[in-house]
Amino acid sequence: MKIKSTVKLGKNSKYSYDVCVPLRIVRALKLREKQKLVITGDTRTGKITIEDWTKPKKARQGATKKKK
């Protein structure tokens, strides 16, 4: 699925900006309000990627100890 849309970049405060994502993209990706997202930018190619944030898995406490 490829949806192309032109949007404007707005300044939110001194250090942050905002981008309005079209509703059809939000529905197609099944995003929700206040959902955590990871935004990465590649300066070499000039592309921005938006991914769903995944919680890092915790290591079990007893997994690192060696048994005698």
Protein backbone atom coordinates (compact mmCIF):
# COMPACT_ATOMS: atom_id res chain seq x y z
CA MET A 1 0.00 0.00 0.00
CA LYS A 2 1.40 3.35 -0.96
CA ILE A 3 -0.49 6.54 -0.15
CA LYS A 4 1.15 9.78 -1.20
CA SER A 5 0.13 13.06 0.37
CA THR A 6 1.63 16.55 0.56
CA VAL A 7 1.59 18.12 4.02
CA LYS A 8 3.02 21.24 5.63
CA LEU A 9 5.50 21.35 8.48
CA GLY A 10 4.41 23.62 11.32
CA LYS A 11 6.33 24.96 14.29
CA ASN A 12 4.83 23.87 17.60
CA SER A 13 7.26 25.43 20.08
CA LYS A 14 10.89 26.47 20.22
CA TYR A 15 12.24 22.92 19.78
CA SER A 16 9.43 20.91 18.21
CA TYR A 17 7.51 20.80 14.95
CA ASP A 18 4.28 19.14 13.90
CA VAL A 19 3.03 17.38 10.78
CA CYS A 20 -0.62 16.66 10.07
CA VAL A 21 -1.00 13.07 8.92
CA PRO A 22 -3.97 12.49 6.59
CA LEU A 23 -6.84 10.47 8.04
CA ARG A 24 -6.69 7.80 5.33
CA ILE A 25 -3.07 7.03 6.29
CA VAL A 26 -3.99 6.85 10.00
CA ARG A 27 -6.85 4.45 9.22
CA ALA A 28 -4.78 2.34 6.83
CA LEU A 29 -2.02 1.89 9.44
CA LYS A 30 -4.57 1.40 12.26
CA LEU A 31 -2.99 4.10 14.44
CA ARG A 32 -4.72 5.35 17.58
CA GLU A 33 -4.74 8.64 19.42
CA LYS A 34 -1.77 9.08 21.81
CA GLN A 35 -0.06 5.97 20.41
CA LYS A 36 3.71 5.91 20.83
CA LEU A 37 5.58 6.09 17.53
CA VAL A 38 9.26 6.03 16.54
CA ILE A 39 10.25 8.63 13.95
CA THR A 40 13.63 8.22 12.23
CA GLY A 41 15.13 10.53 9.66
CA ASP A 42 17.84 9.66 7.16
CA THR A 43 19.80 12.76 6.18
CA ARG A 44 21.55 10.99 3.31
CA THR A 45 18.35 10.01 1.48
CA GLY A 46 16.12 12.74 2.94
CA LYS A 47 13.41 10.30 4.07
CA ILE A 48 11.45 10.09 7.30
CA THR A 49 10.05 6.78 8.53
CA ILE A 50 7.33 6.37 11.15
CA GLU A 51 7.11 3.04 13.00
CA ASP A 52 5.12 1.67 15.89
CA TRP A 53 6.98 1.82 19.20
CA THR A 54 7.62 -1.58 20.76
CA LYS A 55 8.34 -2.02 24.43
CA PRO A 56 11.81 -3.50 25.05
CA LYS A 57 11.70 -6.97 26.55
CA LYS A 58 13.01 -7.35 30.08
CA ALA A 59 15.66 -9.97 30.72
CA ARG A 60 14.76 -12.54 33.32
CA GLN A 61 16.63 -12.07 36.58
CA GLY A 62 17.84 -15.65 36.90
CA ALA A 63 18.92 -15.96 33.27
CA THR A 64 22.36 -14.36 33.73
CA LYS A 65 23.47 -16.36 36.80
CA LYS A 66 25.56 -19.49 36.26
CA LYS A 67 24.77 -22.62 38.22
CA LYS A 68 27.60 -24.43 40.00
